[in-house]
């Protein structure tokens, strides 16, 4: 199996759970097998989507950029300072079948939490394309009004194709 999920409402409570198995060890293979991978939130197809009614939205996408190193940012204003401990980024869904999964997800980015216009916390991330899998970013106990995601290296598959930053959702999580 690629993943086991168990939902309590909209939360996957199986994520990062302890996995026990009866007998044996995973087989030797050119890829990695491991009990913890069963509940790490990563699958080849992305996690199941919760029904959200009819919509044709795939998310937000920046304007095209010529170079992958052209910086782009998006900021989420919570309206007032709130307590939270993580964010989860959902890669944009493919609007057409010719785009690969994880289209527009940045290769290198910074998450900055601000309160009263002042930085409270900053986290730099560099990662491979997550496909359709959500990207969970623990921040620890944090209080802030806005979250800025600044992509410093954009997704760009081909030299002749423009660079983009695209997300389906930005979720701000507490607990």
N, C-alpha and C. Protein backbone atom coordinates (compact mmCIF):
# COMPACT_ATOMS: atom_id res chain seq x y z
N UNK A 1 0.84 -1.18 0.00
CA UNK A 1 0.00 0.00 0.00
C UNK A 1 0.88 1.23 0.00
N UNK A 2 0.39 2.28 -0.62
CA UNK A 2 1.12 3.54 -0.64
C UNK A 2 0.80 4.37 0.60
N UNK A 3 -0.45 4.31 1.08
CA UNK A 3 -0.85 5.16 2.20
C UNK A 3 -2.10 4.62 2.86
N UNK A 4 -2.18 4.77 4.18
CA UNK A 4 -3.39 4.49 4.93
C UNK A 4 -3.86 5.82 5.50
N UNK A 5 -5.13 6.15 5.26
CA UNK A 5 -5.69 7.39 5.80
C UNK A 5 -6.92 7.06 6.63
N UNK A 6 -7.13 7.81 7.67
CA UNK A 6 -8.32 7.70 8.51
C UNK A 6 -8.73 9.11 8.88
N UNK A 7 -9.95 9.48 8.50
CA UNK A 7 -10.40 10.85 8.71
C UNK A 7 -11.28 10.97 9.93
N UNK A 8 -11.05 12.03 10.69
CA UNK A 8 -11.96 12.52 11.72
C UNK A 8 -12.40 13.88 11.20
N UNK A 9 -13.58 13.94 10.63
CA UNK A 9 -14.00 15.17 9.94
C UNK A 9 -13.13 15.33 8.71
N UNK A 10 -12.38 16.44 8.63
CA UNK A 10 -11.52 16.69 7.49
C UNK A 10 -10.04 16.45 7.80
N UNK A 11 -9.73 15.93 8.99
CA UNK A 11 -8.35 15.74 9.41
C UNK A 11 -7.96 14.28 9.28
N UNK A 12 -6.83 14.01 8.62
CA UNK A 12 -6.29 12.66 8.51
C UNK A 12 -5.57 12.34 9.81
N UNK A 13 -6.23 11.62 10.72
CA UNK A 13 -5.66 11.33 12.03
C UNK A 13 -4.64 10.19 11.97
N UNK A 14 -4.52 9.51 10.83
CA UNK A 14 -3.52 8.45 10.69
C UNK A 14 -2.14 9.01 10.34
N UNK A 15 -2.07 10.24 9.91
CA UNK A 15 -0.78 10.82 9.50
C UNK A 15 0.22 10.77 10.66
N UNK A 16 1.39 10.24 10.38
CA UNK A 16 2.49 10.13 11.35
C UNK A 16 2.18 9.21 12.53
N UNK A 17 1.17 8.33 12.39
CA UNK A 17 0.85 7.37 13.45
C UNK A 17 1.94 6.31 13.54
N UNK A 18 1.94 5.54 14.62
CA UNK A 18 2.87 4.43 14.77
C UNK A 18 2.33 3.24 13.98
N UNK A 19 3.18 2.62 13.18
CA UNK A 19 2.78 1.48 12.37
C UNK A 19 3.49 0.24 12.90
N UNK A 20 2.73 -0.80 13.17
CA UNK A 20 3.29 -2.08 13.59
C UNK A 20 2.91 -3.11 12.55
N UNK A 21 3.80 -4.08 12.32
CA UNK A 21 3.49 -5.13 11.36
C UNK A 21 3.88 -6.48 11.93
N UNK A 22 3.22 -7.49 11.45
CA UNK A 22 3.47 -8.85 11.93
C UNK A 22 4.40 -9.57 10.96
N UNK A 23 5.55 -9.95 11.45
CA UNK A 23 6.45 -10.82 10.71
C UNK A 23 7.23 -10.18 9.59
N UNK A 24 8.49 -10.54 9.53
CA UNK A 24 9.33 -10.19 8.39
C UNK A 24 9.80 -8.75 8.34
N UNK A 25 10.57 -8.51 7.31
CA UNK A 25 11.07 -7.17 7.05
C UNK A 25 10.73 -6.82 5.60
N UNK A 26 10.67 -5.54 5.30
CA UNK A 26 10.37 -5.17 3.91
C UNK A 26 11.40 -5.76 2.95
N UNK A 27 10.99 -6.10 1.73
CA UNK A 27 11.91 -6.70 0.77
C UNK A 27 12.95 -5.70 0.26
N UNK A 28 14.11 -6.23 -0.11
CA UNK A 28 15.13 -5.38 -0.71
C UNK A 28 14.62 -4.96 -2.09
N UNK A 29 14.77 -3.69 -2.40
CA UNK A 29 14.28 -3.17 -3.68
C UNK A 29 15.04 -1.91 -4.02
N UNK A 30 15.04 -1.50 -5.28
CA UNK A 30 15.73 -0.27 -5.65
C UNK A 30 15.04 0.98 -5.09
N UNK A 31 13.81 0.86 -4.62
CA UNK A 31 13.11 1.96 -3.97
C UNK A 31 13.01 1.64 -2.48
N UNK A 32 12.57 2.58 -1.70
CA UNK A 32 12.50 2.41 -0.25
C UNK A 32 11.14 1.92 0.21
N UNK A 33 11.12 0.86 0.99
CA UNK A 33 9.93 0.42 1.68
C UNK A 33 10.14 0.75 3.15
N UNK A 34 9.12 1.14 3.84
CA UNK A 34 9.25 1.40 5.27
C UNK A 34 7.88 1.59 5.89
N UNK A 35 7.71 1.09 7.10
CA UNK A 35 6.42 1.19 7.78
C UNK A 35 5.98 2.64 7.93
N UNK A 36 6.89 3.55 8.24
CA UNK A 36 6.53 4.96 8.43
C UNK A 36 6.01 5.60 7.15
N UNK A 37 6.41 5.08 5.99
CA UNK A 37 5.94 5.64 4.72
C UNK A 37 4.44 5.39 4.51
N UNK A 38 3.88 4.43 5.26
CA UNK A 38 2.47 4.10 5.13
C UNK A 38 1.58 5.23 5.67
N UNK A 39 2.12 6.10 6.52
CA UNK A 39 1.33 7.17 7.14
C UNK A 39 2.05 8.52 7.04
N UNK A 40 2.84 8.72 5.97
CA UNK A 40 3.59 9.97 5.84
C UNK A 40 2.87 11.03 5.02
N UNK A 41 1.66 10.73 4.55
CA UNK A 41 0.89 11.70 3.79
C UNK A 41 1.28 11.80 2.33
N UNK A 42 2.12 10.91 1.84
CA UNK A 42 2.58 10.96 0.46
C UNK A 42 2.10 9.72 -0.29
N UNK A 43 1.50 9.93 -1.46
CA UNK A 43 1.10 8.83 -2.32
C UNK A 43 1.44 9.19 -3.75
N UNK A 44 1.52 8.22 -4.64
CA UNK A 44 1.79 8.54 -6.04
C UNK A 44 0.69 9.39 -6.69
N UNK A 45 -0.54 9.30 -6.18
CA UNK A 45 -1.67 10.01 -6.79
C UNK A 45 -2.13 11.21 -6.00
N UNK A 46 -1.54 11.48 -4.85
CA UNK A 46 -2.06 12.53 -3.98
C UNK A 46 -3.13 11.93 -3.08
N UNK A 47 -3.45 12.63 -2.02
CA UNK A 47 -4.44 12.12 -1.07
C UNK A 47 -5.85 12.30 -1.61
N UNK A 48 -6.81 11.51 -1.10
CA UNK A 48 -8.19 11.67 -1.54
C UNK A 48 -8.68 13.09 -1.24
N UNK A 49 -9.51 13.61 -2.12
CA UNK A 49 -10.06 14.94 -1.91
C UNK A 49 -11.42 14.82 -1.25
N UNK A 50 -11.68 15.72 -0.32
CA UNK A 50 -12.99 15.75 0.32
C UNK A 50 -13.95 16.50 -0.61
N UNK A 51 -15.16 16.00 -0.75
CA UNK A 51 -16.11 16.68 -1.65
C UNK A 51 -16.35 18.11 -1.19
N UNK A 52 -16.30 19.04 -2.14
CA UNK A 52 -16.49 20.45 -1.81
C UNK A 52 -17.55 21.08 -2.69
N UNK A 53 -18.40 20.28 -3.27
CA UNK A 53 -19.43 20.83 -4.14
C UNK A 53 -18.86 21.10 -5.52
N UNK A 54 -19.70 21.55 -6.41
CA UNK A 54 -19.29 21.81 -7.78
C UNK A 54 -18.46 23.08 -7.86
N UNK A 55 -17.31 22.99 -8.47
CA UNK A 55 -16.49 24.16 -8.75
C UNK A 55 -15.51 23.81 -9.85
N UNK A 56 -15.08 24.82 -10.57
CA UNK A 56 -14.13 24.59 -11.65
C UNK A 56 -12.78 25.21 -11.31
N UNK A 57 -12.61 25.64 -10.07
CA UNK A 57 -11.37 26.30 -9.68
C UNK A 57 -10.24 25.31 -9.48
N UNK A 58 -9.07 25.67 -9.95
CA UNK A 58 -7.90 24.83 -9.72
C UNK A 58 -6.94 25.51 -8.75
N UNK A 59 -7.20 26.75 -8.39
CA UNK A 59 -6.35 27.46 -7.44
C UNK A 59 -5.88 28.79 -7.98
N UNK A 60 -4.72 29.21 -7.51
CA UNK A 60 -4.12 30.49 -7.87
C UNK A 60 -2.83 30.23 -8.65
N UNK A 61 -2.57 31.06 -9.64
CA UNK A 61 -1.34 30.94 -10.42
C UNK A 61 -0.79 32.33 -10.69
N UNK A 62 0.52 32.47 -10.54
CA UNK A 62 1.18 33.74 -10.82
C UNK A 62 1.20 34.01 -12.31
N UNK A 63 1.56 35.22 -12.65
CA UNK A 63 1.82 35.53 -14.05
C UNK A 63 3.07 34.77 -14.46
N UNK A 64 3.20 34.50 -15.74
CA UNK A 64 4.37 33.78 -16.25
C UNK A 64 5.63 34.62 -16.06
N UNK A 65 6.71 33.94 -15.75
CA UNK A 65 8.02 34.58 -15.61
C UNK A 65 8.98 33.92 -16.60
N UNK A 66 9.94 34.67 -17.09
CA UNK A 66 10.90 34.15 -18.07
C UNK A 66 11.88 33.18 -17.43
N UNK A 67 12.31 33.47 -16.18
CA UNK A 67 13.33 32.65 -15.52
C UNK A 67 12.77 32.03 -14.25
N UNK A 68 13.27 30.85 -13.91
CA UNK A 68 12.85 30.17 -12.68
C UNK A 68 13.27 30.94 -11.44
N UNK A 69 14.26 31.79 -11.54
CA UNK A 69 14.76 32.55 -10.39
C UNK A 69 14.06 33.89 -10.22
N UNK A 70 13.07 34.20 -11.05
CA UNK A 70 12.29 35.43 -10.87
C UNK A 70 11.35 35.23 -9.68
N UNK A 71 11.56 36.00 -8.62
CA UNK A 71 10.81 35.84 -7.38
C UNK A 71 9.34 36.22 -7.55
N UNK A 72 8.46 35.43 -6.91
CA UNK A 72 7.01 35.67 -6.88
C UNK A 72 6.54 35.40 -5.46
N UNK A 73 5.58 36.17 -4.98
CA UNK A 73 5.04 35.89 -3.64
C UNK A 73 3.52 36.00 -3.63
N UNK A 74 2.94 35.33 -2.64
CA UNK A 74 1.52 35.44 -2.36
C UNK A 74 1.38 35.59 -0.84
N UNK A 75 0.46 36.43 -0.41
CA UNK A 75 0.29 36.68 1.02
C UNK A 75 -1.16 36.44 1.41
N UNK A 76 -1.36 35.74 2.52
CA UNK A 76 -2.68 35.46 3.06
C UNK A 76 -2.86 36.30 4.32
N UNK A 77 -3.87 37.17 4.32
CA UNK A 77 -4.17 38.02 5.47
C UNK A 77 -5.32 37.37 6.23
N UNK A 78 -5.09 37.02 7.48
CA UNK A 78 -6.10 36.34 8.30
C UNK A 78 -7.12 37.31 8.88
N UNK A 79 -6.94 38.62 8.66
CA UNK A 79 -7.89 39.61 9.15
C UNK A 79 -7.58 40.12 10.54
N UNK A 80 -6.99 39.28 11.36
CA UNK A 80 -6.56 39.64 12.71
C UNK A 80 -5.51 38.62 13.15
N UNK A 81 -4.75 38.96 14.16
CA UNK A 81 -3.73 38.03 14.67
C UNK A 81 -4.42 36.78 15.21
N UNK A 82 -3.89 35.61 14.82
CA UNK A 82 -4.44 34.33 15.26
C UNK A 82 -3.31 33.39 15.65
N UNK A 83 -3.63 32.44 16.52
CA UNK A 83 -2.68 31.42 16.93
C UNK A 83 -2.80 30.24 15.96
N UNK A 84 -1.66 29.71 15.53
CA UNK A 84 -1.63 28.52 14.69
C UNK A 84 -0.28 27.86 14.85
N UNK A 85 -0.14 26.63 14.32
CA UNK A 85 1.12 25.91 14.50
C UNK A 85 1.65 25.24 13.23
N UNK A 86 0.92 25.39 12.12
CA UNK A 86 1.38 24.79 10.87
C UNK A 86 0.61 25.40 9.71
N UNK A 87 1.18 25.23 8.53
CA UNK A 87 0.42 25.50 7.32
C UNK A 87 0.52 24.28 6.42
N UNK A 88 -0.44 24.14 5.55
CA UNK A 88 -0.41 23.06 4.58
C UNK A 88 -0.67 23.67 3.21
N UNK A 89 0.22 23.37 2.28
CA UNK A 89 0.09 23.86 0.92
C UNK A 89 -0.40 22.73 0.03
N UNK A 90 -1.44 22.99 -0.72
CA UNK A 90 -1.99 21.99 -1.63
C UNK A 90 -1.58 22.40 -3.04
N UNK A 91 -0.81 21.55 -3.72
CA UNK A 91 -0.40 21.88 -5.09
C UNK A 91 -1.60 22.10 -6.00
N UNK A 92 -1.42 22.93 -7.01
CA UNK A 92 -2.50 23.21 -7.96
C UNK A 92 -2.86 21.95 -8.72
N UNK A 93 -4.14 21.78 -8.94
CA UNK A 93 -4.60 20.66 -9.76
C UNK A 93 -4.39 21.03 -11.22
N UNK A 94 -4.12 20.05 -12.02
CA UNK A 94 -3.87 20.30 -13.44
C UNK A 94 -5.13 20.81 -14.13
N UNK A 95 -5.08 22.01 -14.72
CA UNK A 95 -6.24 22.49 -15.47
C UNK A 95 -6.38 21.78 -16.82
N UNK A 96 -5.29 21.24 -17.33
CA UNK A 96 -5.33 20.48 -18.58
C UNK A 96 -4.50 19.22 -18.41
N UNK A 97 -4.75 18.22 -19.21
CA UNK A 97 -4.08 16.94 -19.06
C UNK A 97 -2.62 16.96 -19.49
N UNK A 98 -2.18 17.99 -20.19
CA UNK A 98 -0.80 18.00 -20.66
C UNK A 98 0.18 18.56 -19.62
N UNK A 99 -0.32 19.05 -18.50
CA UNK A 99 0.57 19.56 -17.45
C UNK A 99 0.86 18.45 -16.44
N UNK A 100 2.09 18.36 -15.97
CA UNK A 100 2.42 17.32 -14.99
C UNK A 100 1.84 17.63 -13.61
N UNK A 101 1.70 16.59 -12.78
CA UNK A 101 1.22 16.82 -11.42
C UNK A 101 2.23 17.69 -10.68
N UNK A 102 1.72 18.49 -9.76
CA UNK A 102 2.58 19.42 -9.03
C UNK A 102 2.92 20.66 -9.84
N UNK A 103 2.18 20.88 -10.92
CA UNK A 103 2.42 22.05 -11.77
C UNK A 103 2.47 23.32 -10.93
N UNK A 104 3.52 24.09 -11.09
CA UNK A 104 3.63 25.39 -10.44
C UNK A 104 4.10 25.37 -9.00
N UNK A 105 4.33 24.18 -8.41
CA UNK A 105 4.80 24.17 -7.03
C UNK A 105 6.26 24.61 -7.01
N UNK A 106 6.62 25.59 -6.18
CA UNK A 106 7.99 26.12 -6.21
C UNK A 106 9.02 25.11 -5.71
N UNK A 107 10.21 25.20 -6.24
CA UNK A 107 11.31 24.33 -5.80
C UNK A 107 11.96 24.87 -4.54
N UNK A 108 12.00 26.20 -4.43
CA UNK A 108 12.61 26.85 -3.26
C UNK A 108 11.71 28.01 -2.87
N UNK A 109 11.37 28.09 -1.57
CA UNK A 109 10.49 29.17 -1.12
C UNK A 109 10.70 29.45 0.36
N UNK A 110 10.18 30.60 0.78
CA UNK A 110 10.25 31.02 2.18
C UNK A 110 8.83 31.26 2.67
N UNK A 111 8.55 30.79 3.87
CA UNK A 111 7.28 31.07 4.53
C UNK A 111 7.59 32.06 5.64
N UNK A 112 6.93 33.21 5.60
CA UNK A 112 7.16 34.24 6.62
C UNK A 112 5.83 34.59 7.28
N UNK A 113 5.81 34.51 8.61
CA UNK A 113 4.64 34.88 9.39
C UNK A 113 4.89 36.29 9.90
N UNK A 114 3.88 37.16 9.74
CA UNK A 114 4.03 38.54 10.19
C UNK A 114 2.87 38.93 11.09
N UNK A 115 3.16 39.83 12.03
CA UNK A 115 2.13 40.39 12.90
C UNK A 115 2.43 41.88 13.04
N UNK A 116 1.42 42.70 12.83
CA UNK A 116 1.59 44.17 12.82
C UNK A 116 2.68 44.60 11.85
N UNK A 117 2.80 43.91 10.72
CA UNK A 117 3.78 44.26 9.70
C UNK A 117 5.20 43.87 10.02
N UNK A 118 5.41 43.20 11.16
CA UNK A 118 6.76 42.79 11.56
C UNK A 118 6.90 41.27 11.44
N UNK A 119 8.04 40.79 10.93
CA UNK A 119 8.26 39.34 10.85
C UNK A 119 8.28 38.69 12.23
N UNK A 120 7.55 37.59 12.37
CA UNK A 120 7.51 36.83 13.61
C UNK A 120 8.31 35.55 13.46
N UNK A 121 8.22 34.95 12.27
CA UNK A 121 8.91 33.70 12.01
C UNK A 121 9.17 33.58 10.51
N UNK A 122 10.29 32.93 10.19
CA UNK A 122 10.63 32.72 8.79
C UNK A 122 11.21 31.31 8.64
N UNK A 123 10.76 30.61 7.61
CA UNK A 123 11.22 29.24 7.37
C UNK A 123 11.53 29.11 5.89
N UNK A 124 12.77 28.70 5.57
CA UNK A 124 13.18 28.50 4.17
C UNK A 124 13.06 27.02 3.83
N UNK A 125 12.48 26.74 2.66
CA UNK A 125 12.23 25.36 2.25
C UNK A 125 12.75 25.15 0.83
N UNK A 126 13.42 24.02 0.63
CA UNK A 126 13.83 23.58 -0.69
C UNK A 126 13.39 22.12 -0.79
N UNK A 127 12.67 21.79 -1.84
CA UNK A 127 12.12 20.43 -1.93
C UNK A 127 11.82 20.04 -3.36
N UNK A 128 11.73 18.74 -3.60
CA UNK A 128 11.32 18.28 -4.93
C UNK A 128 9.81 18.49 -5.11
N UNK A 129 9.36 18.36 -6.33
CA UNK A 129 7.95 18.51 -6.64
C UNK A 129 7.14 17.46 -5.89
N UNK A 130 6.10 17.87 -5.13
CA UNK A 130 5.32 16.90 -4.36
C UNK A 130 4.21 16.21 -5.14
N UNK A 131 4.10 16.49 -6.45
CA UNK A 131 2.99 15.92 -7.21
C UNK A 131 1.68 16.50 -6.71
N UNK A 132 0.69 15.65 -6.47
CA UNK A 132 -0.60 16.13 -5.94
C UNK A 132 -0.67 16.02 -4.42
N UNK A 133 0.43 15.69 -3.77
CA UNK A 133 0.42 15.51 -2.32
C UNK A 133 0.48 16.84 -1.59
N UNK A 134 -0.30 16.98 -0.50
CA UNK A 134 -0.21 18.19 0.31
C UNK A 134 1.17 18.29 0.96
N UNK A 135 1.61 19.50 1.18
CA UNK A 135 2.90 19.74 1.84
C UNK A 135 2.61 20.35 3.20
N UNK A 136 2.87 19.58 4.25
CA UNK A 136 2.62 19.99 5.63
C UNK A 136 3.87 20.64 6.19
N UNK A 137 3.76 21.86 6.69
CA UNK A 137 4.91 22.60 7.21
C UNK A 137 4.65 22.98 8.67
N UNK A 138 5.20 22.22 9.62
CA UNK A 138 5.03 22.58 11.03
C UNK A 138 5.82 23.86 11.33
N UNK A 139 5.22 24.74 12.09
CA UNK A 139 5.86 26.02 12.44
C UNK A 139 6.08 26.16 13.94
N UNK A 140 5.53 25.25 14.75
CA UNK A 140 5.56 25.45 16.19
C UNK A 140 4.51 26.48 16.56
N UNK A 141 4.35 26.72 17.85
CA UNK A 141 3.35 27.70 18.31
C UNK A 141 3.69 29.06 17.73
N UNK A 142 2.77 29.62 16.96
CA UNK A 142 2.99 30.88 16.25
C UNK A 142 1.75 31.74 16.36
N UNK A 143 1.96 33.03 16.42
CA UNK A 143 0.84 33.98 16.38
C UNK A 143 1.16 35.02 15.33
N UNK A 144 0.21 35.24 14.42
CA UNK A 144 0.43 36.23 13.39
C UNK A 144 -0.84 36.56 12.65
N UNK A 145 -0.78 37.64 11.89
CA UNK A 145 -1.94 38.07 11.11
C UNK A 145 -1.84 37.64 9.65
N UNK A 146 -0.62 37.57 9.13
CA UNK A 146 -0.48 37.21 7.72
C UNK A 146 0.65 36.22 7.50
N UNK A 147 0.52 35.49 6.40
CA UNK A 147 1.52 34.51 6.01
C UNK A 147 1.91 34.82 4.57
N UNK A 148 3.18 35.04 4.36
CA UNK A 148 3.68 35.34 3.02
C UNK A 148 4.51 34.15 2.55
N UNK A 149 4.19 33.67 1.36
CA UNK A 149 4.94 32.57 0.75
C UNK A 149 5.66 33.17 -0.45
N UNK A 150 6.97 33.22 -0.34
CA UNK A 150 7.80 33.84 -1.37
C UNK A 150 8.61 32.76 -2.09
N UNK A 151 8.29 32.56 -3.35
CA UNK A 151 9.00 31.56 -4.15
C UNK A 151 10.24 32.21 -4.75
N UNK A 152 11.40 31.63 -4.45
CA UNK A 152 12.66 32.17 -4.97
C UNK A 152 13.21 31.31 -6.10
N UNK A 153 12.67 30.11 -6.27
CA UNK A 153 12.95 29.30 -7.46
C UNK A 153 11.65 28.65 -7.89
N UNK A 154 11.17 29.08 -9.04
CA UNK A 154 9.87 28.64 -9.52
C UNK A 154 9.94 27.32 -10.26
N UNK A 155 8.76 26.73 -10.45
CA UNK A 155 8.62 25.52 -11.24
C UNK A 155 8.81 25.88 -12.71
N UNK A 156 9.69 25.16 -13.38
CA UNK A 156 9.93 25.38 -14.81
C UNK A 156 10.46 24.08 -15.38
N UNK A 157 9.63 23.42 -16.18
CA UNK A 157 10.01 22.12 -16.71
C UNK A 157 10.89 22.18 -17.95
N UNK A 158 10.65 23.15 -18.81
CA UNK A 158 11.35 23.19 -20.09
C UNK A 158 11.92 24.59 -20.31
N UNK A 159 13.05 24.66 -20.97
CA UNK A 159 13.70 25.95 -21.21
C UNK A 159 12.79 26.91 -21.96
N UNK A 160 12.00 26.42 -22.89
CA UNK A 160 11.14 27.29 -23.70
C UNK A 160 9.79 27.58 -23.03
N UNK A 161 9.53 26.97 -21.87
CA UNK A 161 8.26 27.15 -21.16
C UNK A 161 8.45 28.17 -20.05
N UNK A 162 7.50 29.08 -19.83
CA UNK A 162 7.68 30.07 -18.76
C UNK A 162 7.64 29.42 -17.38
N UNK A 163 8.09 30.18 -16.39
CA UNK A 163 8.09 29.73 -15.00
C UNK A 163 6.81 30.23 -14.32
N UNK A 164 6.28 29.40 -13.39
CA UNK A 164 5.05 29.74 -12.68
C UNK A 164 5.17 29.38 -11.22
N UNK A 165 4.36 30.05 -10.40
CA UNK A 165 4.11 29.67 -9.02
C UNK A 165 2.61 29.45 -8.95
N UNK A 166 2.17 28.25 -8.52
CA UNK A 166 0.74 27.95 -8.47
C UNK A 166 0.43 27.09 -7.25
N UNK A 167 -0.69 27.38 -6.60
CA UNK A 167 -1.18 26.61 -5.46
C UNK A 167 -2.69 26.45 -5.59
N UNK A 168 -3.19 25.32 -5.11
CA UNK A 168 -4.63 25.12 -5.06
C UNK A 168 -5.19 25.71 -3.78
N UNK A 169 -4.50 25.48 -2.67
CA UNK A 169 -4.96 25.96 -1.36
C UNK A 169 -3.79 26.28 -0.46
N UNK A 170 -4.00 27.23 0.43
CA UNK A 170 -3.10 27.49 1.57
C UNK A 170 -3.97 27.31 2.80
N UNK A 171 -3.65 26.31 3.61
CA UNK A 171 -4.42 26.05 4.83
C UNK A 171 -3.58 26.47 6.03
N UNK A 172 -4.17 27.21 6.94
CA UNK A 172 -3.53 27.62 8.18
C UNK A 172 -4.13 26.77 9.28
N UNK A 173 -3.30 26.00 9.98
CA UNK A 173 -3.77 24.97 10.90
C UNK A 173 -3.41 25.27 12.35
N UNK A 174 -4.34 24.96 13.23
CA UNK A 174 -4.09 25.05 14.67
C UNK A 174 -4.51 23.73 15.29
N UNK A 175 -3.56 23.08 15.96
CA UNK A 175 -3.84 21.77 16.55
C UNK A 175 -3.85 20.69 15.52
